[in-house]
Amino acid sequence: MGSPTLEKIRSEALSLPESERAELAHSLVASLDAPADADAESAWDTEILRRLAEIDSGTAELIDREEFRRRMRARMSRV
């Protein structure tokens, strides 16, 4: 199952109140993530503005909710 140190930490963590366990779990999972991409937020801002400009200019192909659901179901059934 793990080292004695791990077992001790696990036992102590499981005795914490639920909110503190959730906070600990969040911290542990976040520590496994790769560092944030510094350019990602800027790239998404640029993409959002590009898409909004397409909508405003009338060049975007807009679909209704039912068509969106149909396409998503079709994609999911291929997986």
PDB file of N, CA and C in Angstrom:
ATOM      1  N   MET A   1       0.818  -1.207   0.000  1.00  0.00           N
ATOM      2  CA  MET A   1       0.000   0.000   0.000  1.00  0.00           C
ATOM      3  C   MET A   1       0.847   1.249   0.000  1.00  0.00           C
ATOM      4  N   GLY A   2       2.014   1.168   0.563  1.00  0.00           N
ATOM      5  CA  GLY A   2       2.866   2.344   0.595  1.00  0.00           C
ATOM      6  C   GLY A   2       3.780   2.296   1.790  1.00  0.00           C
ATOM      7  N   SER A   3       4.586   3.304   1.868  1.00  0.00           N
ATOM      8  CA  SER A   3       5.538   3.376   2.963  1.00  0.00           C
ATOM      9  C   SER A   3       4.813   3.684   4.275  1.00  0.00           C
ATOM     10  N   PRO A   4       5.476   3.432   5.404  1.00  0.00           N
ATOM     11  CA  PRO A   4       4.864   3.769   6.693  1.00  0.00           C
ATOM     12  C   PRO A   4       4.529   5.259   6.796  1.00  0.00           C
ATOM     13  N   THR A   5       5.372   6.100   6.221  1.00  0.00           N
ATOM     14  CA  THR A   5       5.099   7.539   6.238  1.00  0.00           C
ATOM     15  C   THR A   5       3.817   7.847   5.474  1.00  0.00           C
ATOM     16  N   LEU A   6       3.674   7.245   4.301  1.00  0.00           N
ATOM     17  CA  LEU A   6       2.467   7.457   3.507  1.00  0.00           C
ATOM     18  C   LEU A   6       1.232   6.973   4.259  1.00  0.00           C
ATOM     19  N   GLU A   7       1.311   5.825   4.859  1.00  0.00           N
ATOM     20  CA  GLU A   7       0.174   5.286   5.603  1.00  0.00           C
ATOM     21  C   GLU A   7      -0.211   6.196   6.768  1.00  0.00           C
ATOM     22  N   LYS A   8       0.783   6.767   7.458  1.00  0.00           N
ATOM     23  CA  LYS A   8       0.510   7.672   8.581  1.00  0.00           C
ATOM     24  C   LYS A   8      -0.187   8.932   8.079  1.00  0.00           C
ATOM     25  N   ILE A   9       0.334   9.492   6.989  1.00  0.00           N
ATOM     26  CA  ILE A   9      -0.269  10.705   6.418  1.00  0.00           C
ATOM     27  C   ILE A   9      -1.681  10.418   5.937  1.00  0.00           C
ATOM     28  N   ARG A  10      -1.866   9.276   5.269  1.00  0.00           N
ATOM     29  CA  ARG A  10      -3.190   8.908   4.776  1.00  0.00           C
ATOM     30  C   ARG A  10      -4.175   8.781   5.929  1.00  0.00           C
ATOM     31  N   SER A  11      -3.770   8.108   7.000  1.00  0.00           N
ATOM     32  CA  SER A  11      -4.634   7.916   8.167  1.00  0.00           C
ATOM     33  C   SER A  11      -5.012   9.253   8.794  1.00  0.00           C
ATOM     34  N   GLU A  12      -4.026  10.121   8.933  1.00  0.00           N
ATOM     35  CA  GLU A  12      -4.302  11.435   9.524  1.00  0.00           C
ATOM     36  C   GLU A  12      -5.197  12.267   8.606  1.00  0.00           C
ATOM     37  N   ALA A  13      -4.952  12.192   7.307  1.00  0.00           N
ATOM     38  CA  ALA A  13      -5.762  12.962   6.361  1.00  0.00           C
ATOM     39  C   ALA A  13      -7.213  12.499   6.380  1.00  0.00           C
ATOM     40  N   LEU A  14      -7.423  11.194   6.474  1.00  0.00           N
ATOM     41  CA  LEU A  14      -8.790  10.669   6.482  1.00  0.00           C
ATOM     42  C   LEU A  14      -9.542  11.022   7.757  1.00  0.00           C
ATOM     43  N   SER A  15      -8.835  11.419   8.781  1.00  0.00           N
ATOM     44  CA  SER A  15      -9.514  11.804  10.020  1.00  0.00           C
ATOM     45  C   SER A  15      -9.887  13.284  10.027  1.00  0.00           C
ATOM     46  N   LEU A  16      -9.470  14.025   9.014  1.00  0.00           N
ATOM     47  CA  LEU A  16      -9.809  15.444   8.920  1.00  0.00           C
ATOM     48  C   LEU A  16     -11.282  15.618   8.579  1.00  0.00           C
ATOM     49  N   PRO A  17     -11.857  16.776   8.931  1.00  0.00           N
ATOM     50  CA  PRO A  17     -13.237  17.072   8.495  1.00  0.00           C
ATOM     51  C   PRO A  17     -13.305  17.109   6.966  1.00  0.00           C
ATOM     52  N   GLU A  18     -14.483  16.875   6.445  1.00  0.00           N
ATOM     53  CA  GLU A  18     -14.667  16.787   4.989  1.00  0.00           C
ATOM     54  C   GLU A  18     -14.124  17.998   4.246  1.00  0.00           C
ATOM     55  N   SER A  19     -14.405  19.203   4.746  1.00  0.00           N
ATOM     56  CA  SER A  19     -13.951  20.412   4.041  1.00  0.00           C
ATOM     57  C   SER A  19     -12.429  20.480   3.979  1.00  0.00           C
ATOM     58  N   GLU A  20     -11.751  20.054   5.047  1.00  0.00           N
ATOM     59  CA  GLU A  20     -10.293  20.072   5.043  1.00  0.00           C
ATOM     60  C   GLU A  20      -9.730  18.972   4.154  1.00  0.00           C
ATOM     61  N   ARG A  21     -10.395  17.819   4.093  1.00  0.00           N
ATOM     62  CA  ARG A  21      -9.976  16.757   3.174  1.00  0.00           C
ATOM     63  C   ARG A  21     -10.101  17.233   1.731  1.00  0.00           C
ATOM     64  N   ALA A  22     -11.192  17.946   1.441  1.00  0.00           N
ATOM     65  CA  ALA A  22     -11.392  18.459   0.085  1.00  0.00           C
ATOM     66  C   ALA A  22     -10.305  19.472  -0.266  1.00  0.00           C
ATOM     67  N   GLU A  23      -9.972  20.338   0.671  1.00  0.00           N
ATOM     68  CA  GLU A  23      -8.918  21.325   0.433  1.00  0.00           C
ATOM     69  C   GLU A  23      -7.578  20.631   0.197  1.00  0.00           C
ATOM     70  N   LEU A  24      -7.284  19.627   0.999  1.00  0.00           N
ATOM     71  CA  LEU A  24      -6.040  18.866   0.846  1.00  0.00           C
ATOM     72  C   LEU A  24      -6.017  18.142  -0.498  1.00  0.00           C
ATOM     73  N   ALA A  25      -7.135  17.514  -0.845  1.00  0.00           N
ATOM     74  CA  ALA A  25      -7.213  16.789  -2.125  1.00  0.00           C
ATOM     75  C   ALA A  25      -6.990  17.738  -3.292  1.00  0.00           C
ATOM     76  N   HIS A  26      -7.605  18.909  -3.224  1.00  0.00           N
ATOM     77  CA  HIS A  26      -7.435  19.902  -4.290  1.00  0.00           C
ATOM     78  C   HIS A  26      -5.963  20.293  -4.416  1.00  0.00           C
ATOM     79  N   SER A  27      -5.313  20.538  -3.291  1.00  0.00           N
ATOM     80  CA  SER A  27      -3.904  20.922  -3.311  1.00  0.00           C
ATOM     81  C   SER A  27      -3.030  19.810  -3.895  1.00  0.00           C
ATOM     82  N   LEU A  28      -3.314  18.572  -3.504  1.00  0.00           N
ATOM     83  CA  LEU A  28      -2.521  17.456  -4.010  1.00  0.00           C
ATOM     84  C   LEU A  28      -2.699  17.276  -5.513  1.00  0.00           C
ATOM     85  N   VAL A  29      -3.928  17.351  -5.991  1.00  0.00           N
ATOM     86  CA  VAL A  29      -4.176  17.198  -7.429  1.00  0.00           C
ATOM     87  C   VAL A  29      -3.535  18.353  -8.196  1.00  0.00           C
ATOM     88  N   ALA A  30      -3.666  19.566  -7.671  1.00  0.00           N
ATOM     89  CA  ALA A  30      -3.071  20.722  -8.340  1.00  0.00           C
ATOM     90  C   ALA A  30      -1.552  20.585  -8.428  1.00  0.00           C
ATOM     91  N   SER A  31      -0.947  19.940  -7.434  1.00  0.00           N
ATOM     92  CA  SER A  31       0.505  19.772  -7.451  1.00  0.00           C
ATOM     93  C   SER A  31       0.961  18.815  -8.543  1.00  0.00           C
ATOM     94  N   LEU A  32       0.050  18.019  -9.090  1.00  0.00           N
ATOM     95  CA  LEU A  32       0.391  17.080 -10.160  1.00  0.00           C
ATOM     96  C   LEU A  32       0.292  17.716 -11.540  1.00  0.00           C
ATOM     97  N   ASP A  33      -0.408  18.838 -11.630  1.00  0.00           N
ATOM     98  CA  ASP A  33      -0.581  19.503 -12.917  1.00  0.00           C
ATOM     99  C   ASP A  33       0.719  20.143 -13.377  1.00  0.00           C
ATOM    100  N   ALA A  34       0.875  20.201 -14.674  1.00  0.00           N
ATOM    101  CA  ALA A  34       2.020  20.893 -15.253  1.00  0.00           C
ATOM    102  C   ALA A  34       1.859  22.389 -14.995  1.00  0.00           C
ATOM    103  N   PRO A  35       2.936  23.124 -15.043  1.00  0.00           N
ATOM    104  CA  PRO A  35       2.828  24.575 -14.863  1.00  0.00           C
ATOM    105  C   PRO A  35       1.883  25.177 -15.901  1.00  0.00           C
ATOM    106  N   ALA A  36       1.192  26.225 -15.507  1.00  0.00           N
ATOM    107  CA  ALA A  36       0.246  26.874 -16.412  1.00  0.00           C
ATOM    108  C   ALA A  36       0.981  27.463 -17.612  1.00  0.00           C
ATOM    109  N   ASP A  37       0.354  27.367 -18.764  1.00  0.00           N
ATOM    110  CA  ASP A  37       0.914  27.944 -19.978  1.00  0.00           C
ATOM    111  C   ASP A  37       0.682  29.446 -19.932  1.00  0.00           C
ATOM    112  N   ALA A  38       1.755  30.201 -19.855  1.00  0.00           N
ATOM    113  CA  ALA A  38       1.660  31.651 -19.712  1.00  0.00           C
ATOM    114  C   ALA A  38       0.959  32.296 -20.899  1.00  0.00           C
ATOM    115  N   ASP A  39       1.038  31.691 -22.073  1.00  0.00           N
ATOM    116  CA  ASP A  39       0.441  32.286 -23.270  1.00  0.00           C
ATOM    117  C   ASP A  39      -0.998  31.838 -23.507  1.00  0.00           C
ATOM    118  N   ALA A  40      -1.483  30.862 -22.741  1.00  0.00           N
ATOM    119  CA  ALA A  40      -2.807  30.294 -23.010  1.00  0.00           C
ATOM    120  C   ALA A  40      -3.916  31.323 -22.838  1.00  0.00           C
ATOM    121  N   GLU A  41      -3.891  32.091 -21.758  1.00  0.00           N
ATOM    122  CA  GLU A  41      -4.967  33.063 -21.523  1.00  0.00           C
ATOM    123  C   GLU A  41      -5.007  34.098 -22.645  1.00  0.00           C
ATOM    124  N   SER A  42      -3.854  34.580 -23.046  1.00  0.00           N
ATOM    125  CA  SER A  42      -3.792  35.553 -24.134  1.00  0.00           C
ATOM    126  C   SER A  42      -4.289  34.949 -25.443  1.00  0.00           C
ATOM    127  N   ALA A  43      -3.910  33.698 -25.703  1.00  0.00           N
ATOM    128  CA  ALA A  43      -4.355  33.032 -26.928  1.00  0.00           C
ATOM    129  C   ALA A  43      -5.868  32.856 -26.941  1.00  0.00           C
ATOM    130  N   TRP A  44      -6.445  32.479 -25.782  1.00  0.00           N
ATOM    131  CA  TRP A  44      -7.899  32.326 -25.716  1.00  0.00           C
ATOM    132  C   TRP A  44      -8.599  33.670 -25.887  1.00  0.00           C
ATOM    133  N   ASP A  45      -8.054  34.732 -25.304  1.00  0.00           N
ATOM    134  CA  ASP A  45      -8.647  36.068 -25.487  1.00  0.00           C
ATOM    135  C   ASP A  45      -8.668  36.444 -26.962  1.00  0.00           C
ATOM    136  N   THR A  46      -7.575  36.167 -27.655  1.00  0.00           N
ATOM    137  CA  THR A  46      -7.490  36.462 -29.088  1.00  0.00           C
ATOM    138  C   THR A  46      -8.515  35.649 -29.873  1.00  0.00           C
ATOM    139  N   GLU A  47      -8.635  34.360 -29.537  1.00  0.00           N
ATOM    140  CA  GLU A  47      -9.600  33.484 -30.228  1.00  0.00           C
ATOM    141  C   GLU A  47     -11.032  33.937 -29.983  1.00  0.00           C
ATOM    142  N   ILE A  48     -11.345  34.301 -28.762  1.00  0.00           N
ATOM    143  CA  ILE A  48     -12.706  34.766 -28.436  1.00  0.00           C
ATOM    144  C   ILE A  48     -13.037  36.022 -29.232  1.00  0.00           C
ATOM    145  N   LEU A  49     -12.102  36.967 -29.275  1.00  0.00           N
ATOM    146  CA  LEU A  49     -12.340  38.199 -30.033  1.00  0.00           C
ATOM    147  C   LEU A  49     -12.505  37.911 -31.518  1.00  0.00           C
ATOM    148  N   ARG A  50     -11.715  36.951 -32.051  1.00  0.00           N
ATOM    149  CA  ARG A  50     -11.842  36.575 -33.466  1.00  0.00           C
ATOM    150  C   ARG A  50     -13.230  36.001 -33.753  1.00  0.00           C
ATOM    151  N   ARG A  51     -13.684  35.119 -32.870  1.00  0.00           N
ATOM    152  CA  ARG A  51     -15.004  34.512 -33.071  1.00  0.00           C
ATOM    153  C   ARG A  51     -16.118  35.534 -32.951  1.00  0.00           C
ATOM    154  N   LEU A  52     -16.005  36.443 -31.985  1.00  0.00           N
ATOM    155  CA  LEU A  52     -17.020  37.492 -31.844  1.00  0.00           C
ATOM    156  C   LEU A  52     -17.059  38.379 -33.085  1.00  0.00           C
ATOM    157  N   ALA A  53     -15.894  38.682 -33.650  1.00  0.00           N
ATOM    158  CA  ALA A  53     -15.839  39.486 -34.869  1.00  0.00           C
ATOM    159  C   ALA A  53     -16.524  38.765 -36.023  1.00  0.00           C
ATOM    160  N   GLU A  54     -16.335  37.445 -36.121  1.00  0.00           N
ATOM    161  CA  GLU A  54     -17.016  36.671 -37.164  1.00  0.00           C
ATOM    162  C   GLU A  54     -18.527  36.717 -36.991  1.00  0.00           C
ATOM    163  N   ILE A  55     -18.983  36.620 -35.759  1.00  0.00           N
ATOM    164  CA  ILE A  55     -20.427  36.694 -35.502  1.00  0.00           C
ATOM    165  C   ILE A  55     -20.941  38.068 -35.886  1.00  0.00           C
ATOM    166  N   ASP A  56     -20.244  39.125 -35.446  1.00  0.00           N
ATOM    167  CA  ASP A  56     -20.678  40.494 -35.729  1.00  0.00           C
ATOM    168  C   ASP A  56     -20.685  40.796 -37.222  1.00  0.00           C
ATOM    169  N   SER A  57     -19.732  40.220 -37.970  1.00  0.00           N
ATOM    170  CA  SER A  57     -19.653  40.492 -39.409  1.00  0.00           C
ATOM    171  C   SER A  57     -20.593  39.613 -40.224  1.00  0.00           C
ATOM    172  N   GLY A  58     -21.165  38.589 -39.575  1.00  0.00           N
ATOM    173  CA  GLY A  58     -22.077  37.705 -40.280  1.00  0.00           C
ATOM    174  C   GLY A  58     -21.386  36.583 -41.028  1.00  0.00           C
ATOM    175  N   THR A  59     -20.101  36.386 -40.822  1.00  0.00           N
ATOM    176  CA  THR A  59     -19.383  35.332 -41.537  1.00  0.00           C
ATOM    177  C   THR A  59     -19.337  34.015 -40.761  1.00  0.00           C
ATOM    178  N   ALA A  60     -19.764  34.025 -39.507  1.00  0.00           N
ATOM    179  CA  ALA A  60     -19.742  32.799 -38.702  1.00  0.00           C
ATOM    180  C   ALA A  60     -20.936  31.927 -39.074  1.00  0.00           C
ATOM    181  N   GLU A  61     -20.711  30.611 -39.077  1.00  0.00           N
ATOM    182  CA  GLU A  61     -21.807  29.668 -39.287  1.00  0.00           C
ATOM    183  C   GLU A  61     -22.397  29.337 -37.919  1.00  0.00           C
ATOM    184  N   LEU A  62     -23.572  29.887 -37.625  1.00  0.00           N
ATOM    185  CA  LEU A  62     -24.217  29.647 -36.339  1.00  0.00           C
ATOM    186  C   LEU A  62     -25.188  28.486 -36.471  1.00  0.00           C
ATOM    187  N   ILE A  63     -25.269  27.679 -35.420  1.00  0.00           N
ATOM    188  CA  ILE A  63     -26.207  26.554 -35.411  1.00  0.00           C
ATOM    189  C   ILE A  63     -27.070  26.647 -34.160  1.00  0.00           C
ATOM    190  N   ASP A  64     -28.255  26.067 -34.238  1.00  0.00           N
ATOM    191  CA  ASP A  64     -29.129  26.091 -33.065  1.00  0.00           C
ATOM    192  C   ASP A  64     -28.768  24.967 -32.103  1.00  0.00           C
ATOM    193  N   ARG A  65     -29.388  24.991 -30.945  1.00  0.00           N
ATOM    194  CA  ARG A  65     -29.087  24.037 -29.884  1.00  0.00           C
ATOM    195  C   ARG A  65     -29.300  22.591 -30.317  1.00  0.00           C
ATOM    196  N   GLU A  66     -30.370  22.320 -31.041  1.00  0.00           N
ATOM    197  CA  GLU A  66     -30.655  20.953 -31.459  1.00  0.00           C
ATOM    198  C   GLU A  66     -29.589  20.428 -32.416  1.00  0.00           C
ATOM    199  N   GLU A  67     -29.129  21.259 -33.331  1.00  0.00           N
ATOM    200  CA  GLU A  67     -28.068  20.845 -34.250  1.00  0.00           C
ATOM    201  C   GLU A  67     -26.773  20.595 -33.474  1.00  0.00           C
ATOM    202  N   PHE A  68     -26.483  21.471 -32.507  1.00  0.00           N
ATOM    203  CA  PHE A  68     -25.299  21.283 -31.673  1.00  0.00           C
ATOM    204  C   PHE A  68     -25.373  19.947 -30.945  1.00  0.00           C
ATOM    205  N   ARG A  69     -26.517  19.632 -30.338  1.00  0.00           N
ATOM    206  CA  ARG A  69     -26.693  18.352 -29.636  1.00  0.00           C
ATOM    207  C   ARG A  69     -26.512  17.174 -30.582  1.00  0.00           C
ATOM    208  N   ARG A  70     -27.077  17.272 -31.770  1.00  0.00           N
ATOM    209  CA  ARG A  70     -26.954  16.190 -32.748  1.00  0.00           C
ATOM    210  C   ARG A  70     -25.494  15.948 -33.093  1.00  0.00           C
ATOM    211  N   ARG A  71     -24.742  17.021 -33.338  1.00  0.00           N
ATOM    212  CA  ARG A  71     -23.329  16.884 -33.686  1.00  0.00           C
ATOM    213  C   ARG A  71     -22.514  16.306 -32.522  1.00  0.00           C
ATOM    214  N   MET A  72     -22.800  16.751 -31.316  1.00  0.00           N
ATOM    215  CA  MET A  72     -22.060  16.259 -30.151  1.00  0.00           C
ATOM    216  C   MET A  72     -22.351  14.777 -29.902  1.00  0.00           C
ATOM    217  N   ARG A  73     -23.623  14.397 -30.059  1.00  0.00           N
ATOM    218  CA  ARG A  73     -23.974  12.977 -29.888  1.00  0.00           C
ATOM    219  C   ARG A  73     -23.265  12.118 -30.936  1.00  0.00           C
ATOM    220  N   ALA A  74     -23.210  12.618 -32.157  1.00  0.00           N
ATOM    221  CA  ALA A  74     -22.543  11.882 -33.229  1.00  0.00           C
ATOM    222  C   ALA A  74     -21.055  11.726 -32.910  1.00  0.00           C
ATOM    223  N   ARG A  75     -20.421  12.783 -32.429  1.00  0.00           N
ATOM    224  CA  ARG A  75     -18.999  12.700 -32.064  1.00  0.00           C
ATOM    225  C   ARG A  75     -18.774  11.724 -30.929  1.00  0.00           C
ATOM    226  N   MET A  76     -19.635  11.782 -29.932  1.00  0.00           N
ATOM    227  CA  MET A  76     -19.475  10.929 -28.755  1.00  0.00           C
ATOM    228  C   MET A  76     -19.697   9.455 -29.099  1.00  0.00           C
ATOM    229  N   SER A  77     -20.537   9.179 -30.058  1.00  0.00           N
ATOM    230  CA  SER A  77     -20.795   7.782 -30.413  1.00  0.00           C
ATOM    231  C   SER A  77     -19.629   7.173 -31.187  1.00  0.00           C
ATOM    232  N   ARG A  78     -18.753   8.008 -31.735  1.00  0.00           N
ATOM    233  CA  ARG A  78     -17.572   7.519 -32.463  1.00  0.00           C
ATOM    234  C   ARG A  78     -16.428   7.170 -31.528  1.00  0.00           C
ATOM    235  N   VAL A  79     -16.495   7.617 -30.308  1.00  0.00           N
ATOM    236  CA  VAL A  79     -15.377   7.397 -29.370  1.00  0.00           C
ATOM    237  C   VAL A  79     -15.373   6.014 -28.819  1.00  0.00           C
TER     238      VAL A  79
END
